[in-house]
Protein backbone atom coordinates (compact mmCIF):
# COMPACT_ATOMS: atom_id res chain seq x y z
CA MET A 1 -105.76 -94.76 267.28
CA THR A 2 -105.75 -92.85 270.06
CA ASN A 3 -105.92 -94.23 273.71
CA SER A 4 -109.23 -94.33 275.07
CA VAL A 5 -108.03 -92.38 277.82
CA ASP A 6 -107.43 -89.73 275.52
CA LEU A 7 -110.03 -89.98 273.46
CA MET A 8 -112.04 -86.97 273.25
CA PRO A 9 -115.71 -87.48 274.70
CA ILE A 10 -118.36 -88.00 271.85
CA ASP A 11 -120.26 -84.92 273.62
CA GLN A 12 -117.71 -82.75 272.91
CA ALA A 13 -116.63 -83.90 269.45
CA LEU A 14 -120.27 -83.80 267.89
CA GLY A 15 -120.25 -79.75 270.01
CA LEU A 16 -117.05 -78.96 268.16
CA ALA A 17 -117.86 -80.90 264.90
CA ALA A 18 -121.31 -78.09 264.91
CA GLY A 19 -119.14 -75.03 264.72
CA ALA A 20 -119.62 -72.82 261.97
CA SER A 21 -115.40 -72.74 261.80
CA PHE A 22 -114.45 -76.18 262.44
CA THR A 23 -112.70 -76.80 259.22
CA GLY A 24 -109.71 -74.82 260.63
CA SER A 25 -110.01 -76.12 263.91
CA ALA A 26 -106.96 -77.53 266.44
CA ASP A 27 -108.80 -80.07 267.59
CA TYR A 28 -109.70 -81.17 263.87
CA SER A 29 -107.94 -84.63 264.35
CA ARG A 30 -108.74 -85.50 268.06
CA VAL A 31 -112.83 -84.42 267.04
CA LEU A 32 -111.92 -87.74 264.04
CA GLU A 33 -110.63 -89.78 266.59
CA SER A 34 -114.10 -89.65 268.75
CA LEU A 35 -116.58 -90.01 265.56
CA GLU A 36 -114.48 -92.89 264.31
CA ALA A 37 -114.62 -94.13 267.84
CA HIS A 38 -117.95 -94.17 268.21
CA GLU A 39 -118.75 -94.73 264.34
CA CYS A 40 -120.43 -92.14 263.47
CA TRP A 41 -119.49 -91.84 260.16
CA THR A 42 -122.37 -89.72 258.85
CA LEU A 43 -121.17 -86.78 260.16
CA TYR A 44 -117.49 -88.43 260.11
CA PHE A 45 -116.97 -88.07 256.16
CA GLU A 46 -119.43 -84.90 256.16
CA ILE A 47 -116.59 -83.44 258.20
CA VAL A 48 -113.54 -85.29 256.10
CA ARG A 49 -114.90 -84.32 252.78
CA ALA A 50 -115.47 -80.66 254.37
CA HIS A 51 -111.77 -80.18 255.34
CA ILE A 52 -110.69 -81.35 251.96
CA LYS A 53 -112.77 -78.94 249.89
CA ALA A 54 -111.36 -76.04 252.66
CA LYS A 55 -107.74 -77.41 252.71
CA PRO A 56 -107.42 -78.87 248.91
CA ASP A 57 -103.68 -78.97 249.72
CA ALA A 58 -103.08 -80.65 252.64
CA SER A 59 -106.27 -83.22 251.54
CA LEU A 60 -103.99 -86.52 251.08
CA ASP A 61 -104.11 -87.28 255.03
CA ASP A 62 -108.11 -86.53 254.19
CA TYR A 63 -108.20 -89.15 251.28
CA VAL A 64 -106.31 -91.73 253.23
CA ARG A 65 -108.89 -91.36 256.43
CA LEU A 66 -111.79 -91.67 253.76
CA ILE A 67 -110.02 -95.07 252.19
CA ARG A 68 -108.55 -96.20 255.17
CA VAL A 69 -112.08 -96.00 257.09
CA LYS A 70 -114.08 -97.54 253.90
CA ILE A 71 -111.88 -100.91 253.82
CA ALA A 72 -111.60 -101.39 257.88
CA TYR A 73 -115.06 -100.30 258.98
CA LEU A 74 -117.56 -100.66 256.08
CA GLU A 75 -115.86 -102.94 253.60
CA ASP A 76 -116.96 -100.90 250.76
CA ILE A 77 -113.86 -101.85 248.43
CA LYS A 78 -115.99 -100.03 245.48
CA ALA A 79 -116.04 -96.86 247.03
CA ALA A 80 -112.42 -96.79 248.59
CA SER A 81 -111.44 -97.65 244.60
CA GLN A 82 -113.13 -94.05 243.91
CA ASN A 83 -111.67 -92.28 246.24
CA CYS A 84 -108.15 -93.31 244.85
CA ARG A 85 -108.66 -92.37 241.98
CA GLU A 86 -109.78 -89.37 242.73
CA LEU A 87 -107.13 -89.19 245.36
CA ILE A 88 -104.57 -90.14 242.24
CA GLN A 89 -105.42 -86.99 239.85
CA SER A 90 -106.21 -84.59 242.56
CA LYS A 91 -102.93 -84.91 243.02
CA LYS A 92 -101.10 -86.60 239.70
CA MET A 93 -99.80 -88.91 241.78
CA SER A 94 -97.15 -91.55 240.39
CA PHE A 95 -97.56 -94.94 240.86
CA LEU A 96 -94.62 -95.29 243.60
CA ASP A 97 -95.72 -92.66 246.00
CA PHE A 98 -99.61 -93.90 245.45
CA ARG A 99 -98.11 -97.19 247.30
CA ILE A 100 -96.21 -95.70 249.47
CA GLN A 101 -98.45 -92.73 250.97
CA VAL A 102 -102.04 -94.50 250.62
CA LEU A 103 -101.90 -97.94 250.45
CA ASP A 104 -98.99 -98.92 252.55
CA LYS A 105 -101.16 -97.33 254.60
CA VAL A 106 -104.74 -98.78 254.46
CA LEU A 107 -103.80 -101.95 253.75
CA GLU A 108 -103.41 -105.25 256.06
CA ALA A 109 -99.75 -106.60 255.65
CA GLU A 110 -99.90 -109.26 252.40
CA ASP A 111 -103.43 -107.79 251.75
CA PHE A 112 -103.15 -108.95 248.12
CA LYS A 113 -106.48 -109.09 247.26
CA THR A 114 -107.98 -105.11 248.56
CA GLU A 115 -105.32 -104.42 246.71
CA GLY A 116 -105.78 -105.88 243.47
CA GLN A 117 -108.68 -104.52 243.65
CA LEU A 118 -108.17 -101.31 243.98
CA LEU A 119 -105.29 -101.33 241.77
CA THR A 120 -107.95 -102.74 238.68
CA VAL A 121 -109.58 -99.33 239.57
CA ALA A 122 -107.41 -96.67 240.00
CA TRP A 123 -104.44 -97.34 237.53
CA GLU A 124 -105.82 -95.68 234.55
CA VAL A 125 -106.20 -92.55 235.75
CA PHE A 126 -102.54 -92.46 236.63
CA SER A 127 -101.30 -89.28 234.07
CA LYS A 128 -98.48 -90.71 232.96
CA ARG A 129 -98.02 -93.67 231.20
CA GLU A 130 -94.89 -95.12 232.64
CA ASP A 131 -97.07 -95.10 236.14
CA GLN A 132 -100.39 -97.13 234.69
CA ILE A 133 -97.43 -99.26 233.77
CA ALA A 134 -96.41 -100.21 237.08
CA ALA A 135 -99.93 -99.97 237.79
CA ILE A 136 -100.40 -103.04 235.55
CA GLU A 137 -97.60 -105.45 236.34
CA ARG A 138 -98.49 -104.98 240.25
CA LEU A 139 -101.83 -106.47 239.18
CA CYS A 140 -100.48 -108.41 236.99
CA PHE A 141 -97.80 -110.02 240.06
CA ILE A 142 -101.36 -109.79 242.43
CA PHE A 143 -102.94 -112.07 239.88
CA GLU A 144 -100.62 -114.37 239.21
CA LYS A 145 -98.81 -114.85 242.64
CA LYS A 146 -100.52 -113.70 245.68
CA ALA A 147 -104.41 -113.41 244.72
CA HIS A 148 -104.80 -116.02 241.59
CA ASN A 149 -107.49 -114.81 239.08
CA GLU A 150 -106.61 -116.72 235.41
CA ASN A 151 -109.50 -113.78 234.36
CA LEU A 152 -108.27 -110.93 235.16
CA LEU A 153 -103.86 -112.17 234.90
CA HIS A 154 -104.73 -112.37 231.29
CA GLN A 155 -106.95 -109.06 231.18
CA PHE A 156 -104.09 -107.30 232.69
CA TYR A 157 -100.94 -109.14 231.10
CA GLU A 158 -102.93 -107.98 227.09
CA ARG A 159 -103.34 -104.36 229.02
CA LEU A 160 -100.11 -104.55 229.40
CA ARG A 161 -98.94 -105.65 226.02
CA LYS A 162 -100.66 -103.79 223.60
CA MET A 163 -99.24 -100.59 225.85
CA GLN A 164 -95.91 -101.83 225.67
CA PRO A 165 -94.85 -104.52 223.06
CA GLU A 166 -91.46 -104.69 223.89
CA ASN A 167 -92.92 -105.55 227.79
CA ALA A 168 -90.74 -108.88 229.04
CA LYS A 169 -93.45 -109.75 231.49
CA ALA A 170 -95.84 -109.53 229.41
CA LEU A 171 -93.96 -111.62 226.90
CA ARG A 172 -93.17 -114.32 229.13
CA TYR A 173 -96.98 -114.69 229.79
CA PHE A 174 -97.75 -115.63 226.45
CA ARG A 175 -94.63 -117.32 225.28
CA SER A 176 -95.90 -120.58 228.15
CA LEU A 177 -99.61 -119.27 227.28
CA PHE A 178 -98.63 -120.00 223.39
CA SER A 179 -96.49 -122.99 224.42
CA GLN A 180 -99.24 -125.08 226.38
CA ALA A 181 -101.12 -124.22 223.21
CA GLN A 182 -99.16 -125.21 220.96
CA ASP A 183 -99.18 -122.22 218.54
CA TRP A 184 -95.00 -122.64 218.01
CA PRO A 185 -95.27 -119.27 215.47
CA ALA A 186 -96.56 -117.38 218.14
CA VAL A 187 -94.28 -118.80 220.37
CA ILE A 188 -91.09 -118.23 218.15
CA ASP A 189 -92.56 -114.22 217.40
CA VAL A 190 -92.75 -114.07 221.43
CA LEU A 191 -89.31 -115.72 221.66
CA LYS A 192 -87.79 -113.09 218.56
CA ARG A 193 -89.54 -109.88 220.46
CA LEU A 194 -87.52 -110.93 224.04
CA LEU A 195 -84.01 -111.53 222.37
CA ALA A 196 -84.97 -108.36 220.41
CA ALA A 197 -85.43 -106.54 223.55
CA ALA A 198 -82.97 -108.47 225.49
CA LYS A 199 -80.16 -106.28 227.94
CA HIS A 200 -77.72 -108.82 229.11
CA LYS A 201 -75.80 -111.41 227.73
CA GLN A 202 -77.22 -114.27 229.67
CA GLU A 203 -80.85 -113.17 228.75
CA VAL A 204 -79.52 -113.46 224.78
CA PHE A 205 -77.97 -117.34 225.39
CA ARG A 206 -81.78 -118.25 227.19
CA TYR A 207 -84.02 -117.06 224.22
CA ALA A 208 -81.81 -117.90 221.25
CA GLN A 209 -81.28 -121.64 222.75
CA GLU A 210 -85.44 -121.21 223.41
CA LEU A 211 -85.85 -120.32 219.59
CA ALA A 212 -83.62 -122.90 218.48
CA ALA A 213 -84.64 -126.05 220.74
CA VAL A 214 -88.25 -124.82 219.66
CA TYR A 215 -86.78 -124.57 215.00
CA LEU A 216 -85.32 -127.75 216.05
CA TYR A 217 -88.22 -129.59 217.99
CA GLN A 218 -91.24 -128.57 217.21
CA LEU A 219 -91.19 -126.78 213.45
CA GLY A 220 -88.29 -128.76 211.99
CA ASP A 221 -86.19 -126.39 210.39
CA TYR A 222 -83.02 -127.62 211.63
CA ARG A 223 -81.46 -124.69 208.98
CA GLU A 224 -82.74 -122.01 211.85
CA ALA A 225 -81.46 -124.13 215.00
CA VAL A 226 -78.26 -123.81 213.96
CA ARG A 227 -78.27 -120.12 212.71
CA TYR A 228 -79.69 -119.38 216.30
CA ILE A 229 -77.30 -121.09 218.55
CA GLU A 230 -73.52 -120.01 216.50
CA GLU A 231 -75.42 -116.47 216.18
CA TYR A 232 -75.74 -115.77 219.77
CA CYS A 233 -74.94 -118.55 221.88
CA ALA A 234 -70.86 -118.23 220.98
CA GLY A 235 -69.70 -117.95 224.87
CA SER A 236 -72.60 -119.23 226.49
CA THR A 237 -72.50 -120.09 230.31
CA LEU A 238 -75.25 -122.47 228.86
CA ASP A 239 -75.10 -126.55 227.51
CA THR A 240 -76.14 -125.93 224.05
CA SER A 241 -74.65 -128.80 222.12
CA THR A 242 -77.36 -131.07 222.06
CA ILE A 243 -79.63 -128.57 220.46
CA HIS A 244 -76.53 -127.95 218.38
CA TYR A 245 -75.14 -131.83 217.64
CA GLU A 246 -79.13 -132.68 217.42
CA ALA A 247 -80.11 -130.28 214.27
CA TYR A 248 -76.64 -131.30 212.30
CA TYR A 249 -77.77 -134.42 212.93
CA ARG A 250 -80.73 -134.06 211.80
CA LEU A 251 -79.88 -132.12 208.62
CA GLY A 252 -77.27 -134.86 207.84
CA ASP A 253 -74.35 -133.10 207.95
CA LEU A 254 -72.16 -134.91 210.13
CA GLU A 255 -68.28 -132.92 209.70
CA GLY A 256 -71.27 -130.48 211.78
CA CYS A 257 -71.40 -132.77 214.44
CA LEU A 258 -68.25 -133.79 215.30
CA ARG A 259 -67.41 -129.97 214.94
CA VAL A 260 -70.06 -129.66 218.23
CA LEU A 261 -68.91 -132.58 219.85
CA ARG A 262 -64.76 -131.55 219.70
CA SER A 263 -66.46 -128.37 220.91
CA ALA A 264 -67.57 -129.98 223.67
CA LEU A 265 -65.16 -131.99 224.95
CA LEU A 266 -62.92 -128.88 225.25
CA VAL A 267 -65.30 -127.91 228.03
CA VAL A 268 -66.51 -130.78 229.58
CA GLU A 269 -64.79 -132.19 232.47
CA ASP A 270 -67.02 -135.31 233.75
CA ALA A 271 -65.83 -138.36 232.74
CA GLU A 272 -68.95 -139.88 232.16
CA THR A 273 -70.04 -137.77 229.66
CA ARG A 274 -66.68 -137.36 227.61
CA SER A 275 -66.88 -140.45 226.88
CA ILE A 276 -70.85 -140.29 226.02
CA VAL A 277 -68.72 -137.60 223.29
CA HIS A 278 -65.61 -139.99 222.27
CA PHE A 279 -68.76 -142.25 222.23
CA ARG A 280 -71.22 -139.69 219.86
CA ILE A 281 -67.35 -139.08 217.63
CA GLY A 282 -67.04 -142.59 217.44
CA SER A 283 -70.26 -143.14 215.46
CA ILE A 284 -69.76 -140.43 213.59
CA TYR A 285 -67.05 -141.32 211.89
CA GLU A 286 -67.87 -144.97 211.92
CA GLN A 287 -70.32 -143.71 209.59
CA LEU A 288 -68.24 -141.32 207.89
CA ASN A 289 -66.20 -144.59 206.97
CA GLN A 290 -63.23 -143.30 209.10
CA THR A 291 -62.39 -146.73 210.34
CA GLN A 292 -59.79 -146.65 212.72
CA LEU A 293 -60.83 -142.97 213.86
CA ALA A 294 -63.87 -144.43 214.98
CA TYR A 295 -62.15 -147.82 217.06
CA GLU A 296 -59.81 -144.69 218.85
CA ASN A 297 -62.50 -143.17 219.47
CA TYR A 298 -64.60 -146.02 221.69
CA GLN A 299 -61.66 -146.17 222.92
CA LYS A 300 -61.35 -143.86 224.85
CA THR A 301 -64.83 -144.25 225.40
CA LEU A 302 -64.10 -146.97 227.17
CA GLU A 303 -60.57 -145.88 229.29
CA LEU A 304 -63.13 -143.42 230.10
CA ASN A 305 -66.37 -145.65 231.68
CA ASP A 306 -65.43 -149.67 231.32
CA ARG A 307 -69.28 -150.19 231.47
CA PHE A 308 -70.42 -149.11 228.44
CA PHE A 309 -70.65 -151.78 226.28
CA GLU A 310 -71.91 -150.45 223.34
CA ALA A 311 -68.75 -148.87 222.91
CA ILE A 312 -67.41 -152.49 222.77
CA GLU A 313 -69.87 -153.60 220.57
CA GLY A 314 -68.50 -150.35 218.80
CA LEU A 315 -65.25 -151.21 218.87
CA VAL A 316 -65.78 -154.98 217.54
CA SER A 317 -67.60 -153.83 214.81
CA CYS A 318 -64.56 -151.49 213.39
CA ALA A 319 -62.08 -154.53 214.40
CA ILE A 320 -64.56 -156.19 212.01
CA LYS A 321 -64.24 -153.96 208.98
CA LEU A 322 -60.82 -153.68 209.56
CA LYS A 323 -60.88 -157.43 209.71
CA ASN A 324 -58.61 -157.86 212.42
CA TRP A 325 -60.34 -161.27 213.33
CA VAL A 326 -58.13 -161.76 216.47
CA THR A 327 -58.94 -158.03 217.87
CA VAL A 328 -62.50 -159.21 217.05
CA ARG A 329 -61.81 -162.53 219.57
CA ASP A 330 -60.50 -160.27 221.66
CA TRP A 331 -63.28 -157.70 222.39
CA LEU A 332 -65.84 -160.42 222.00
CA VAL A 333 -64.52 -161.76 224.97
CA VAL A 334 -64.22 -158.49 226.62
CA LEU A 335 -68.19 -158.80 226.68
CA THR A 336 -68.42 -161.83 227.38
CA GLU A 337 -67.06 -160.69 230.78
CA LYS A 338 -69.32 -158.16 231.26
CA THR A 339 -72.01 -159.50 230.13
CA ARG A 340 -74.37 -160.65 233.02
CA SER A 341 -77.14 -162.31 230.72
CA PRO A 342 -77.28 -165.83 230.37
CA ASN A 343 -78.46 -166.52 226.88
CA LEU A 344 -76.37 -163.55 225.99
CA VAL A 345 -73.30 -164.69 226.81
CA GLY A 346 -73.51 -168.38 224.80
CA GLN A 347 -74.43 -166.22 222.08
CA LEU A 348 -70.90 -164.48 222.44
CA LYS A 349 -69.13 -168.00 223.37
CA ALA A 350 -70.42 -169.56 220.18
CA GLY A 351 -69.34 -166.62 218.23
CA ILE A 352 -65.95 -166.80 219.60
CA GLN A 353 -65.74 -170.94 218.98
CA ARG A 354 -66.44 -169.96 215.53
CA LEU A 355 -64.29 -167.42 214.75
CA ASP A 356 -61.53 -169.93 216.16
CA GLU A 357 -62.14 -172.25 214.52
CA GLY A 358 -62.78 -169.64 211.07
CA MET A 359 -59.05 -168.53 211.90
CA ALA A 360 -57.56 -172.03 212.67
CA HIS A 361 -59.17 -172.96 209.02
CA ALA A 362 -57.55 -170.19 207.51
CA ASP A 363 -53.86 -170.31 209.43
CA ALA A 364 -54.34 -173.83 207.88
CA ALA A 365 -55.27 -172.67 204.12
CA ARG A 366 -51.94 -170.82 204.24
């Protein structure tokens, strides 16, 4: 807006506007400034429309004037939206040009609500499909992050998915939507599309891991869970070991479990986590009746975490299977020293006493 000192007097502006050749006048901008300052909108719009008709090649600034006035002064978003449509069609504007040359000039900073209203009406008149998609993506961003509107958000994501079935933004939205509805076959379909369209390794790792998790925990298809981890997640920076192990375990494939656990030991450095891995290896070996190997892994567990009571119980169990009663007694003593429960301590001491009596009886019988 021109400073009030430089503002053309309204009577002069009205006189100039009445002239037959005014549309070509050098005073055009100053007359509009005066009319705007005095809110003479009927004449203002007549003059701008006449100027657009007379000089269509230079009409961009005039359309921006119309849109800005209707938003800032009249709050007539519907009329401003129609002007946006006219401008986009007449200039065959791209979405990027429209944002820079129009929206950035007519909207206050972060006026996302008005931007959403304008684009909701104007998006479909972009002549190129990629510009329509860009406009819809912007609308989805606005309705999801800035001017929340669940109905319009869903409506435009639906449009986006129909226009571009592989659109990652739309697919991620529907993945979340279907997950909330627990429609797992639909989630699988979306994740497969995301995986197929993934351009970077990290995306491949992430979507494959999500697929494996849905197959494992929601659909109970353990073989597919294993397949997606092994086919797509080799070298993944994400930790897939839990899903991989769980899938093999539910399949009853204990050798597969061992392969996963051994691989985990190659990359895990944290002592506490390594102790858990060794404990699981020990429990798998025990189930496979490889008692000595189970015993060795329970020992490693305890070396890494001396408060891992379950490992001591595993050592006792293995020593019993190996019929090494002295070792059984030694570990029962260790367990007694580490146990805080008086009742359990009493039970352990009673067990040690019976074991001592049994070993003494066995010695006497030799």
